[in-house]
Every structure is written in C-alpha cells, then in structure tokens.
Amino acid sequence: MIAVFLHRRCEMPHRAACCARSIAAAVFAVAVIIAAPATASDQVLPDRSIGSPPACGDLSVASLMEAECLVVDEASGEEADAAPMTVAGPAISASAADGLASATAAPSTFVASCRYDANVVFYAQNDWVTVGRTLAANSSPCAEYWIHIPTLAANKLACRVNQAHQIRAFGPRFHAMCEAHLGGWQAWVNADPARTWYDAGVALRAQMASVGFDVTEGDTWSVNEFTSAIRRGDGNARANALAFLRGLYEGGELPDVKGNVFVVGLAHGTTPTTVYKENLKRWFADADFWREASRYVRFWGQEVFGDVRNTLVPGEPRARRAESLSDYLEQVGMLAAAGPDDIEIARAYLRDAHFPLANAAWGWPSAFGFTAVPLETMKNFVGIQEHALRHYLGSNPNRVAPTIGYAWQVRNHLALPPAEFRAQWTDLLEMLASAIAESLGSGGASQMGACGPPGAHDWCAGEHENAMFNPEWALLRSWD
C-alpha cells in the first residue's frame, strides 16, 4: 500500500505563514476500490456530492465514462477489444527517454510563420504513448500537445507510474496530464467526514508528484468528468467542484498549476435541446462560479462526440456538413458568445478556455457517438470534424481560442484479425495526426489541410446511408 501525505494550505492572504506553522497530514490508501455511486435526483444531492456519472449504455449522453464500462474478462477473453493494444507500450527508462527527446524534440518556441499558437488535447483511454509517438512523428510546429493519461481501472485515485516522462520524451511541446477521476475522489471524500473536496485535490497533486508528473516540466492534471449535476447547479455540486479545483491548482506545498476539465455532454442526435440550453444559460449566469474556475482551469473541454449518422449525410457538400457539425461541436462557445452582458464573466473566460473534445473513438455504438463503421468511413468522419474545427477557428478569431481536442479509443467492432485491426487503427491515428498538422501548420495552413495532404483532399468525403443532420444544435447559436 502506498501512503501519501496530504498537505493542507490555508486561505490567502495568510496561507504561507499558516502552512509554515503546521501541515496537516492525512494518510490515505491509494488502493481503494471505488463503489458505484448512487443515483441522485436532479435537484437534491447529499451535501458532499458532486453528482453521478452517466449510466453505462446511456444513449442520450456524450461521456468518456463509456470507455470504463467495458471490463475485460481476463479469464475468458470476453470484450478484450476494450484494450486492443498494450496499455502504454514497453516502459522507457529515464536514460532512454532523454535520448528519444533529443532525437524527436520539437522547437521550444513556435515558429514565426505560425498563425496560431494552438493547443491540442487528447484523451486516450489506453495506448497513450502510441498516441504521443504518432502525433510527434507528424506534429505541427504551431501546437502544444497535451495527453490525458487515465487511472487504473481498479484504483481511481492513482496516477499511472512511469508514464509522464514517456510523453515528455517526445519533445518540449508534449505534456502529460494525470487523470483526476471525479467519481473516485467522490468516494474518497464520502468515506471519511473529516475529508474535504479541497483535501482531495491536494492529495491528487501529491500522488502526481510521487509517480513522476512534473508541473515544472509542463505536466498537469485533468478532471474526468464534470457531471450534469454541476451544469444544473444541484445541491452543493458547484461549490464542491470548485473546492476540488482549488486543491488541484494549489497542490498543498507544490507549485500552483492550472489544469484541464472535461464536461459531460449530450449526444449528437439529441432532440429537443431546449432544457439543456436553459441549464447552460443559468450556469453562465453564475458569475461567482466562473470567476473562481478561471483561476484554476486552463482548458475547459466540452465533450461533443459527433455521430456519423448526423454528419456524413448523402449528397450534401463538405461546407454544409461542416456547418451542421460546428453547431454541435461549438455549442457552448456559441451560446456564451450570444449571451447578454450579465454573463460577461463566463463569456470572457470561455472565449479563452473552452474547446470541443471531438470524436476519434472508432467502433462505438453510443456515448462516443455512433462510429461502428468501416475504416474509410471513420477517416471521412474524422476529417470533416477537423475541417469544421479549423474552419470555425478561422471564422471566429475574436471568439475562439486556438484549442482543439479528441477522444481516442478504438474497439474491434468488425472482429478483424489482431494484426489487421492494428494496421487499421494505426492508419486512422496517422491520418488524424496529419489532419491536425496540416490544418494547424505554419504559413498558409487552412481547414483544407484536414481533408488530406495537398493534391489529395479526399478525407472529408464519403457518406453514411440514411444519415441526417440534426437542426436542434443550431438553436444554441442565439440566446433566445
């Protein structure tokens, strides 16, 4: 059992003096097995609750939690497609990592011809080192890459050991993010009345440091995921969330560092969107929440996992597909930008921090959107997403920060032989890396780079039988 000492910080302005006088230590067991949280009502939650994650198989949501719903039965091999690759590849020693960094390191500053100083955030449920290696092999000199590394399935409190330096080894523009698993820490807080959500954030930071995540080298934390209870403002959910974020940011005696938050969303095919829109409007009006959150969170990732069935509409041109897709991908930023003056705190913050966490999860029937399609169709789908993201960025330079994100998780839904499946998902990942690099590159890079290298712009084509646009998301372009 690993013991981690939890260091409390006192409130400013006397925080440093107070911490010098006394440091409270609380020892917790990292090997806690997390029980499934109880279902809460829409409005009434226990005081210390932060809300429950979506249920497995919930077709109404866009949620990273779906990746955790597949449990590999090691005895029978059932559902082994949930982990089609080695979790993180062979471990790289510190000395080997230094050599790799020197061989693959990107420039530490952006080149003068970059139109954007962009950020690319990746959620990788497994195979994050391969993701980093593939992105590094075809990276944009105009982007920083941030890779979220999840916790172990059996221990939602622990950052992964011997992983962060493997991501940093790809160069100074590559950064590791340790998962702060909201459900796991909620169970930890509720297990002892003396614990607080602030304590939980500080404890996670101590855990990060103990296994090699180094914020002085560019690493940080990443919350998976803010629940719908926080969006609605149920009970004390928002206050608890802010306390957790403050602990993550301050880190006890560790350096302050801003991190990332992923927020659960709604499925692409949702109709109607009226209740969701009203919940967002009320959340944006909570100026105190956004004022405080802006102190702690650098990246605010909205989970918007597009659906092939609402994107690759037969007979529709690329521009129309991108327009409809942007309504879904940019929903939060669009609504905030359209809001009245009394949501200016939220609007100003989201203009710089918000980004769409788009969909590169292949082979899924729900939660990541419907992507159970052949490889070429998936490449078309990924291409038009990057096209839409880059086009929206270029069309709204005063409203959108240059940050994009993707969820990466593949399933062998076609039951292909292992070698063939690996070749196909490798092709998809390399295609995505190229689309990002070409669309966010230096010089005259544009959204057309997402559709393929010069002279071969065919990634944004293709179609899916019976696909239809969902006009509901266009309603979030306006406040009323």
Protein backbone atom coordinates (compact mmCIF):
# COMPACT_ATOMS: atom_id res chain seq x y z
CA MET A 1 0.00 0.00 0.00
CA ILE A 2 1.32 3.42 -0.91
CA ALA A 3 0.83 6.17 1.66
CA VAL A 4 0.65 9.77 0.52
CA PHE A 5 0.71 12.67 2.93
CA LEU A 6 -1.90 15.29 2.30
CA HIS A 7 -0.72 18.85 2.89
CA ARG A 8 -3.34 21.48 3.59
CA ARG A 9 -2.97 25.07 2.50
CA CYS A 10 -4.52 27.91 4.46
CA GLU A 11 -6.64 30.60 2.86
CA MET A 12 -4.93 33.59 1.32
CA PRO A 13 -3.54 36.05 2.28
CA HIS A 14 -2.07 34.19 5.27
CA ARG A 15 -1.65 30.85 3.52
CA ALA A 16 2.16 30.71 3.54
CA ALA A 17 2.54 31.69 7.19
CA CYS A 18 -0.13 29.26 8.26
CA CYS A 19 1.44 26.43 6.31
CA ALA A 20 4.80 27.18 7.85
CA ARG A 21 3.30 26.77 11.34
CA SER A 22 1.52 23.50 10.73
CA ILE A 23 0.90 20.99 7.96
CA ALA A 24 -1.97 18.63 8.48
CA ALA A 25 -1.18 15.11 7.31
CA ALA A 26 -3.84 12.63 6.36
CA VAL A 27 -2.78 9.20 5.16
CA PHE A 28 -5.00 7.52 2.61
CA ALA A 29 -4.92 4.13 0.95
CA VAL A 30 -4.32 4.50 -2.76
CA ALA A 31 -5.63 1.01 -3.40
CA VAL A 32 -9.26 1.91 -2.78
CA ILE A 33 -11.76 0.11 -4.97
CA ILE A 34 -14.46 2.53 -5.99
CA ALA A 35 -18.06 1.51 -5.48
CA ALA A 36 -20.68 2.60 -7.98
CA PRO A 37 -22.23 5.89 -6.84
CA ALA A 38 -25.89 6.07 -6.02
CA THR A 39 -28.20 7.80 -8.44
CA ALA A 40 -29.07 11.31 -7.36
CA SER A 41 -32.17 13.31 -8.19
CA ASP A 42 -31.93 16.30 -10.48
CA GLN A 43 -32.12 18.79 -7.62
CA VAL A 44 -31.45 17.15 -4.23
CA LEU A 45 -27.97 15.81 -3.56
CA PRO A 46 -26.10 14.96 -0.36
CA ASP A 47 -24.08 17.94 0.83
CA ARG A 48 -20.74 16.45 -0.20
CA SER A 49 -21.92 15.10 -3.57
CA ILE A 50 -20.74 16.31 -6.92
CA GLY A 51 -23.23 14.24 -8.93
CA SER A 52 -23.21 10.82 -10.53
CA PRO A 53 -21.67 9.77 -13.85
CA PRO A 54 -23.98 8.65 -16.66
CA ALA A 55 -25.15 5.05 -16.64
CA CYS A 56 -23.37 2.63 -18.93
CA GLY A 57 -25.01 2.48 -22.33
CA ASP A 58 -26.91 5.77 -21.90
CA LEU A 59 -27.67 6.78 -25.49
CA SER A 60 -28.56 10.35 -24.51
CA VAL A 61 -25.10 11.48 -23.43
CA ALA A 62 -21.62 12.16 -24.75
CA SER A 63 -19.41 10.81 -21.99
CA LEU A 64 -15.88 9.50 -21.51
CA MET A 65 -17.22 7.17 -18.84
CA GLU A 66 -18.44 4.75 -21.50
CA ALA A 67 -14.85 3.62 -22.02
CA GLU A 68 -14.81 2.43 -18.41
CA CYS A 69 -17.97 0.38 -18.84
CA LEU A 70 -16.19 -2.36 -20.78
CA VAL A 71 -14.47 -4.66 -18.33
CA VAL A 72 -12.04 -7.16 -19.78
CA ASP A 73 -12.62 -10.68 -18.51
CA GLU A 74 -9.04 -11.91 -18.43
CA ALA A 75 -10.10 -15.49 -17.85
CA SER A 76 -12.42 -15.79 -20.82
CA GLY A 77 -11.04 -13.03 -23.02
CA GLU A 78 -14.53 -11.62 -23.49
CA GLU A 79 -14.65 -7.98 -24.53
CA ALA A 80 -10.90 -7.93 -24.97
CA ASP A 81 -11.47 -5.35 -27.67
CA ALA A 82 -11.70 -2.79 -24.87
CA ALA A 83 -7.91 -2.99 -24.66
CA PRO A 84 -6.72 -3.80 -28.17
CA MET A 85 -3.17 -2.61 -27.59
CA THR A 86 -0.57 -2.78 -24.88
CA VAL A 87 -1.72 -0.24 -22.32
CA ALA A 88 1.26 2.02 -22.71
CA GLY A 89 3.82 0.08 -24.68
CA PRO A 90 7.09 -1.03 -23.16
CA ALA A 91 8.39 1.17 -20.37
CA ILE A 92 11.07 3.63 -21.42
CA SER A 93 13.88 4.19 -18.94
CA ALA A 94 14.83 7.73 -17.96
CA SER A 95 18.09 7.50 -19.91
CA ALA A 96 16.34 6.15 -22.99
CA ALA A 97 13.73 8.89 -22.69
CA ASP A 98 16.46 11.51 -22.70
CA GLY A 99 17.84 10.04 -25.90
CA LEU A 100 14.41 9.95 -27.51
CA ALA A 101 13.77 13.55 -26.55
CA SER A 102 16.96 14.67 -28.24
CA ALA A 103 16.06 12.72 -31.36
CA THR A 104 12.46 13.87 -31.68
CA ALA A 105 12.31 17.15 -29.77
CA ALA A 106 10.31 19.90 -31.40
CA PRO A 107 11.30 23.56 -31.13
CA SER A 108 10.64 25.02 -27.70
CA THR A 109 9.01 28.08 -29.27
CA PHE A 110 6.54 28.45 -32.10
CA VAL A 111 7.93 29.37 -35.49
CA ALA A 112 7.44 32.91 -36.75
CA SER A 113 5.12 31.83 -39.57
CA CYS A 114 2.54 30.27 -37.23
CA ARG A 115 -0.87 31.88 -37.50
CA TYR A 116 -1.91 30.31 -34.20
CA ASP A 117 -0.18 29.19 -31.05
CA ALA A 118 -2.51 26.22 -30.76
CA ASN A 119 -3.13 23.55 -28.13
CA VAL A 120 -4.24 20.00 -28.92
CA VAL A 121 -5.69 17.96 -26.03
CA PHE A 122 -6.03 14.17 -26.34
CA TYR A 123 -7.97 11.80 -24.11
CA ALA A 124 -6.57 8.29 -24.59
CA GLN A 125 -8.22 5.55 -22.55
CA ASN A 126 -5.33 3.28 -23.47
CA ASP A 127 -2.26 3.39 -25.71
CA TRP A 128 -1.44 6.99 -24.85
CA VAL A 129 2.27 6.52 -25.58
CA THR A 130 1.48 5.33 -29.11
CA VAL A 131 -0.79 8.37 -29.48
CA GLY A 132 2.06 10.64 -28.40
CA ARG A 133 4.57 8.89 -30.66
CA THR A 134 2.26 9.15 -33.69
CA LEU A 135 1.48 12.80 -33.07
CA ALA A 136 5.18 13.57 -32.59
CA ALA A 137 6.04 11.88 -35.88
CA ASN A 138 3.77 14.34 -37.72
CA SER A 139 3.32 17.30 -35.39
CA SER A 140 2.53 20.91 -36.13
CA PRO A 141 5.29 23.37 -35.18
CA CYS A 142 2.42 25.67 -34.18
CA ALA A 143 0.85 23.45 -31.50
CA GLU A 144 1.44 22.15 -27.98
CA TYR A 145 0.15 18.60 -27.38
CA TRP A 146 -1.44 17.56 -24.09
CA ILE A 147 -2.17 13.87 -23.43
CA HIS A 148 -4.58 12.78 -20.69
CA ILE A 149 -3.45 9.54 -19.00
CA PRO A 150 -6.28 7.71 -17.16
CA THR A 151 -6.12 5.97 -13.82
CA LEU A 152 -6.08 2.21 -13.35
CA ALA A 153 -9.47 0.53 -13.65
CA ALA A 154 -9.17 -0.89 -10.11
CA ASN A 155 -7.82 2.26 -8.47
CA LYS A 156 -9.34 5.57 -9.47
CA LEU A 157 -7.13 7.59 -7.11
CA ALA A 158 -3.71 6.76 -8.54
CA CYS A 159 -1.81 8.44 -11.36
CA ARG A 160 -0.05 5.95 -13.61
CA VAL A 161 3.55 5.14 -12.72
CA ASN A 162 6.38 5.53 -15.28
CA GLN A 163 4.24 7.26 -17.88
CA ALA A 164 4.66 11.04 -17.72
CA HIS A 165 8.32 11.06 -18.73
CA GLN A 166 7.47 8.90 -21.76
CA ILE A 167 5.17 11.66 -23.02
CA ARG A 168 7.69 14.41 -22.25
CA ALA A 169 10.28 12.38 -24.17
CA PHE A 170 8.57 13.34 -27.44
CA GLY A 171 9.77 16.91 -27.05
CA PRO A 172 9.17 20.14 -25.17
CA ARG A 173 5.77 20.64 -26.80
CA PHE A 174 4.41 17.35 -25.37
CA HIS A 175 2.86 17.28 -21.91
CA ALA A 176 1.32 14.57 -19.70
CA MET A 177 -1.95 15.09 -17.82
CA CYS A 178 -2.77 12.88 -14.83
CA GLU A 179 -6.44 11.98 -14.57
CA ALA A 180 -8.31 13.38 -11.59
CA HIS A 181 -11.17 10.87 -11.62
CA LEU A 182 -14.18 12.66 -10.17
CA GLY A 183 -16.09 9.52 -9.23
CA GLY A 184 -13.07 8.04 -7.49
CA TRP A 185 -12.39 11.11 -5.41
CA GLN A 186 -16.07 11.48 -4.55
CA ALA A 187 -15.94 8.02 -2.96
CA TRP A 188 -12.76 9.02 -1.09
CA VAL A 189 -14.34 12.20 0.27
CA ASN A 190 -17.52 10.41 1.35
CA ALA A 191 -15.59 7.65 3.14
CA ASP A 192 -14.48 9.97 5.96
CA PRO A 193 -16.41 13.01 7.30
CA ALA A 194 -13.10 14.74 8.11
CA ARG A 195 -12.12 14.84 4.43
CA THR A 196 -12.98 17.72 2.12
CA TRP A 197 -13.02 18.21 -1.61
CA TYR A 198 -10.09 20.59 -1.23
CA ASP A 199 -8.17 17.79 0.54
CA ALA A 200 -8.95 15.53 -2.41
CA GLY A 201 -7.42 17.95 -4.90
CA VAL A 202 -4.27 18.37 -2.82
CA ALA A 203 -3.98 14.59 -2.40
CA LEU A 204 -4.14 14.05 -6.15
CA ARG A 205 -1.35 16.57 -6.67
CA ALA A 206 0.80 14.72 -4.12
CA GLN A 207 0.07 11.48 -5.95
CA MET A 208 1.08 13.09 -9.25
CA ALA A 209 4.42 14.21 -7.88
CA SER A 210 5.14 10.83 -6.30
CA VAL A 211 4.96 9.00 -9.66
CA GLY A 212 6.79 11.48 -11.86
CA PHE A 213 4.27 14.01 -13.15
CA ASP A 214 6.28 17.25 -13.04
CA VAL A 215 4.40 20.53 -13.36
CA THR A 216 7.68 22.42 -13.70
CA GLU A 217 8.25 20.43 -16.90
CA GLY A 218 4.79 21.21 -18.29
CA ASP A 219 2.70 18.32 -16.90
CA THR A 220 -0.65 19.00 -15.26
CA TRP A 221 -3.92 17.43 -14.05
CA SER A 222 -7.12 16.67 -15.97
CA VAL A 223 -10.59 16.16 -14.42
CA ASN A 224 -12.73 13.34 -15.80
CA GLU A 225 -15.52 14.42 -15.77
CA PHE A 226 -17.81 17.24 -14.59
CA THR A 227 -21.33 15.84 -14.22
CA SER A 228 -24.69 17.16 -15.32
CA ALA A 229 -25.38 17.99 -11.65
CA ILE A 230 -22.64 20.62 -11.81
CA ARG A 231 -24.11 22.03 -15.02
CA ARG A 232 -27.58 22.21 -13.45
CA GLY A 233 -26.32 23.52 -10.10
CA ASP A 234 -27.84 20.75 -8.00
CA GLY A 235 -27.21 20.96 -4.26
CA ASN A 236 -23.61 21.85 -3.41
CA ALA A 237 -22.23 20.31 -6.61
CA ARG A 238 -20.69 23.52 -7.93
CA ALA A 239 -19.18 24.53 -4.58
CA ASN A 240 -17.70 21.04 -4.18
CA ALA A 241 -16.31 21.15 -7.70
CA LEU A 242 -14.65 24.49 -7.06
CA ALA A 243 -13.09 23.22 -3.83
CA PHE A 244 -11.66 20.24 -5.72
CA LEU A 245 -10.29 22.52 -8.45
CA ARG A 246 -8.70 24.82 -5.87
CA GLY A 247 -6.93 21.87 -4.24
CA LEU A 248 -5.73 20.65 -7.63
CA TYR A 249 -4.46 24.10 -8.54
CA GLU A 250 -2.74 24.91 -5.23
CA GLY A 251 -1.36 21.44 -4.57
CA GLY A 252 -0.50 21.94 -0.90
CA GLU A 253 3.18 22.91 -0.83
CA LEU A 254 3.61 22.08 -4.52
CA PRO A 255 3.69 24.77 -7.24
CA ASP A 256 0.39 26.22 -8.39
CA VAL A 257 -0.67 24.90 -11.78
CA LYS A 258 -3.79 25.27 -13.90
CA GLY A 259 -5.24 22.11 -15.43
CA ASN A 260 -7.97 20.72 -17.65
CA VAL A 261 -11.64 19.82 -17.10
CA PHE A 262 -13.78 17.57 -19.29
CA VAL A 263 -17.55 18.18 -19.06
CA VAL A 264 -20.14 15.51 -19.87
CA GLY A 265 -22.34 16.49 -22.82
CA LEU A 266 -25.38 15.35 -24.76
CA ALA A 267 -25.46 13.01 -27.73
CA HIS A 268 -25.31 14.49 -31.23
CA GLY A 269 -28.78 13.19 -32.05
CA THR A 270 -30.47 14.83 -29.02
CA THR A 271 -33.86 16.40 -29.57
CA PRO A 272 -35.09 18.69 -28.19
CA THR A 273 -32.20 20.72 -26.76
CA THR A 274 -34.35 23.33 -25.01
CA VAL A 275 -33.89 22.10 -21.42
CA TYR A 276 -30.15 21.70 -21.92
CA LYS A 277 -29.92 25.21 -23.35
CA GLU A 278 -31.72 26.71 -20.36
CA ASN A 279 -29.42 24.83 -17.96
CA LEU A 280 -26.38 26.26 -19.75
CA LYS A 281 -27.83 29.79 -19.64
CA ARG A 282 -28.38 29.57 -15.89
CA TRP A 283 -24.87 28.19 -15.43
CA PHE A 284 -23.34 31.04 -17.45
CA ALA A 285 -25.20 33.49 -15.20
CA ASP A 286 -23.38 32.13 -12.12
CA ALA A 287 -20.61 34.74 -12.26
CA ASP A 288 -19.07 33.65 -8.95
CA PHE A 289 -18.53 30.13 -10.29
CA TRP A 290 -16.84 31.25 -13.49
CA ARG A 291 -14.75 33.90 -11.77
CA GLU A 292 -13.30 31.30 -9.43
CA ALA A 293 -12.99 28.50 -12.01
CA SER A 294 -10.96 30.81 -14.23
CA ARG A 295 -8.27 30.94 -11.56
CA TYR A 296 -7.75 27.19 -11.58
CA VAL A 297 -8.60 25.78 -15.03
CA ARG A 298 -6.65 26.49 -18.22
CA PHE A 299 -8.58 24.21 -20.59
CA TRP A 300 -12.36 23.74 -20.43
CA GLY A 301 -13.21 20.74 -22.61
CA GLN A 302 -16.81 20.14 -23.64
CA GLU A 303 -17.44 16.52 -24.63
CA VAL A 304 -19.06 16.68 -28.06
CA PHE A 305 -18.69 13.27 -29.64
CA GLY A 306 -20.16 13.63 -33.08
CA ASP A 307 -22.20 10.85 -34.64
CA VAL A 308 -21.55 9.52 -38.15
CA ARG A 309 -25.33 9.29 -38.63
CA ASN A 310 -25.70 13.06 -38.08
CA THR A 311 -22.66 14.06 -40.14
CA LEU A 312 -21.97 12.12 -43.35
CA VAL A 313 -25.30 12.95 -44.99
CA PRO A 314 -25.51 11.59 -48.56
CA GLY A 315 -25.43 14.20 -51.30
CA GLU A 316 -24.50 17.11 -49.03
CA PRO A 317 -21.39 19.20 -49.78
CA ARG A 318 -18.45 19.47 -47.41
CA ALA A 319 -19.34 23.05 -46.40
CA ARG A 320 -22.87 22.09 -45.32
CA ARG A 321 -21.58 19.12 -43.31
CA ALA A 322 -19.02 21.33 -41.57
CA GLU A 323 -21.64 23.98 -40.80
CA SER A 324 -24.02 21.49 -39.19
CA LEU A 325 -21.20 19.79 -37.33
CA SER A 326 -19.94 23.13 -35.98
CA ASP A 327 -23.36 23.76 -34.45
CA TYR A 328 -22.80 20.66 -32.33
CA LEU A 329 -19.07 20.95 -31.69
CA GLU A 330 -19.10 24.65 -30.77
CA GLN A 331 -22.42 24.70 -28.90
CA VAL A 332 -21.07 26.00 -25.58
CA GLY A 333 -18.89 28.71 -27.09
CA MET A 334 -21.63 29.80 -29.49
CA LEU A 335 -24.24 30.19 -26.76
CA ALA A 336 -21.87 32.05 -24.44
CA ALA A 337 -20.83 34.41 -27.26
CA ALA A 338 -24.50 35.18 -27.96
CA GLY A 339 -25.35 35.93 -24.34
CA PRO A 340 -26.20 39.26 -22.67
CA ASP A 341 -23.78 41.49 -20.78
CA ASP A 342 -24.62 39.92 -17.44
CA ILE A 343 -22.82 36.69 -18.42
CA GLU A 344 -19.63 38.53 -19.41
CA ILE A 345 -17.53 36.73 -16.75
CA ALA A 346 -18.42 33.33 -18.22
CA ARG A 347 -18.19 34.55 -21.81
CA ALA A 348 -14.74 36.10 -21.40
CA TYR A 349 -13.38 33.02 -19.68
CA LEU A 350 -14.85 30.52 -22.16
CA ARG A 351 -13.55 32.56 -25.09
CA ASP A 352 -10.03 31.70 -23.92
CA ALA A 353 -10.52 28.33 -22.19
CA HIS A 354 -13.34 26.43 -23.90
CA PHE A 355 -12.59 23.81 -26.54
CA PRO A 356 -14.60 21.00 -28.15
CA LEU A 357 -13.40 17.50 -27.24
CA ALA A 358 -14.25 15.91 -30.59
CA ASN A 359 -14.51 12.27 -31.58
CA ALA A 360 -11.77 9.94 -32.79
CA ALA A 361 -13.16 6.95 -30.88
CA TRP A 362 -13.75 4.26 -33.50
CA GLY A 363 -16.12 1.31 -33.30
CA TRP A 364 -18.64 2.58 -30.73
CA PRO A 365 -22.44 2.27 -30.75
CA SER A 366 -23.11 5.06 -28.19
CA ALA A 367 -21.68 7.62 -25.73
CA PHE A 368 -18.81 8.32 -28.14
CA GLY A 369 -21.44 8.79 -30.79
CA PHE A 370 -22.11 6.08 -33.35
CA THR A 371 -18.79 5.20 -35.02
CA ALA A 372 -19.25 1.47 -35.68
CA VAL A 373 -18.33 1.91 -39.34
CA PRO A 374 -15.57 0.74 -41.72
CA LEU A 375 -12.17 2.42 -41.55
CA GLU A 376 -12.59 4.61 -44.64
CA THR A 377 -15.91 5.96 -43.37
CA MET A 378 -14.31 6.74 -40.00
CA LYS A 379 -11.48 8.60 -41.72
CA ASN A 380 -14.04 10.68 -43.62
CA PHE A 381 -15.80 11.43 -40.34
CA VAL A 382 -12.59 12.41 -38.52
CA GLY A 383 -11.50 14.56 -41.46
CA ILE A 384 -14.70 16.59 -41.57
CA GLN A 385 -14.50 17.15 -37.80
CA GLU A 386 -11.01 18.63 -38.05
CA HIS A 387 -12.15 20.65 -41.07
CA ALA A 388 -15.09 22.04 -39.07
CA LEU A 389 -12.93 22.83 -36.03
CA ARG A 390 -10.30 24.65 -38.08
CA HIS A 391 -12.86 26.50 -40.18
CA TYR A 392 -14.70 27.75 -37.10
CA LEU A 393 -11.42 28.87 -35.56
CA GLY A 394 -10.51 30.87 -38.64
CA SER A 395 -14.01 32.37 -38.96
CA ASN A 396 -14.22 33.49 -35.31
CA PRO A 397 -10.73 34.69 -34.32
CA ASN A 398 -12.08 37.02 -31.62
CA ARG A 399 -14.40 34.45 -30.07
CA VAL A 400 -12.45 31.20 -30.09
CA ALA A 401 -9.14 30.23 -28.51
CA PRO A 402 -6.96 28.03 -30.75
CA THR A 403 -7.52 24.82 -28.77
CA ILE A 404 -8.99 21.55 -30.04
CA GLY A 405 -9.29 18.09 -28.55
CA TYR A 406 -10.04 14.48 -29.43
CA ALA A 407 -11.12 11.39 -27.55
CA TRP A 408 -9.20 8.35 -28.82
CA GLN A 409 -10.44 4.84 -28.01
CA VAL A 410 -10.87 2.03 -30.51
CA ARG A 411 -12.86 -1.20 -30.47
CA ASN A 412 -12.56 -4.14 -32.83
CA HIS A 413 -16.23 -3.94 -33.76
CA LEU A 414 -15.63 -5.73 -37.08
CA ALA A 415 -13.91 -8.70 -35.36
CA LEU A 416 -10.84 -8.33 -37.55
CA PRO A 417 -7.74 -10.47 -37.02
CA PRO A 418 -5.49 -8.68 -34.48
CA ALA A 419 -2.77 -7.77 -36.98
CA GLU A 420 -5.29 -6.34 -39.45
CA PHE A 421 -7.08 -4.41 -36.71
CA ARG A 422 -3.81 -2.92 -35.50
CA ALA A 423 -2.90 -1.88 -39.04
CA GLN A 424 -6.28 -0.18 -39.45
CA TRP A 425 -6.30 1.77 -36.20
CA THR A 426 -2.68 2.78 -36.84
CA ASP A 427 -3.77 4.13 -40.23
CA LEU A 428 -6.59 6.09 -38.57
CA LEU A 429 -4.30 7.57 -35.93
CA GLU A 430 -1.69 8.58 -38.50
CA MET A 431 -4.40 10.16 -40.63
CA LEU A 432 -5.66 12.19 -37.64
CA ALA A 433 -2.14 13.37 -36.77
CA SER A 434 -1.68 14.51 -40.36
CA ALA A 435 -5.06 16.29 -40.48
CA ILE A 436 -4.19 18.25 -37.33
CA ALA A 437 -0.67 19.10 -38.51
CA GLU A 438 -1.83 20.17 -41.97
CA SER A 439 -4.73 22.32 -40.72
CA LEU A 440 -2.83 23.94 -37.82
CA GLY A 441 0.55 24.19 -39.52
CA SER A 442 2.65 27.22 -40.35
CA GLY A 443 2.25 29.58 -43.27
CA GLY A 444 -0.93 29.16 -45.28
CA ALA A 445 -2.37 26.21 -43.39
CA SER A 446 -6.18 26.13 -43.52
CA GLN A 447 -9.14 23.86 -42.91
CA MET A 448 -8.46 22.09 -46.20
CA GLY A 449 -5.40 20.51 -44.63
CA ALA A 450 -7.79 18.44 -42.53
CA CYS A 451 -9.07 16.77 -45.68
CA GLY A 452 -5.71 15.40 -46.76
CA PRO A 453 -2.27 16.47 -47.94
CA PRO A 454 -2.08 18.92 -50.86
CA GLY A 455 -3.46 17.34 -54.02
CA ALA A 456 -5.33 14.60 -52.16
CA HIS A 457 -8.20 16.26 -50.33
CA ASP A 458 -10.44 13.20 -50.06
CA TRP A 459 -10.68 12.63 -46.28
CA CYS A 460 -13.75 14.87 -45.90
CA ALA A 461 -15.81 12.98 -48.47
CA GLY A 462 -17.77 9.75 -48.02
CA GLU A 463 -21.29 9.22 -46.78
CA HIS A 464 -23.34 7.06 -44.44
CA GLU A 465 -26.65 5.61 -45.57
CA ASN A 466 -29.71 7.33 -44.07
CA ALA A 467 -27.61 9.92 -42.21
CA MET A 468 -29.49 13.15 -41.39
CA PHE A 469 -28.43 16.49 -39.91
CA ASN A 470 -29.84 17.42 -36.51
CA PRO A 471 -31.03 21.06 -36.72
CA GLU A 472 -31.58 21.29 -32.94
CA TRP A 473 -28.00 22.40 -32.26
CA ALA A 474 -28.42 25.49 -34.45
CA LEU A 475 -30.73 26.81 -31.71
CA LEU A 476 -27.69 27.37 -29.50
CA ARG A 477 -26.32 29.97 -31.89
CA SER A 478 -28.65 32.50 -30.27
CA TRP A 479 -29.50 33.29 -26.66
CA ASP A 480 -33.28 33.47 -27.04
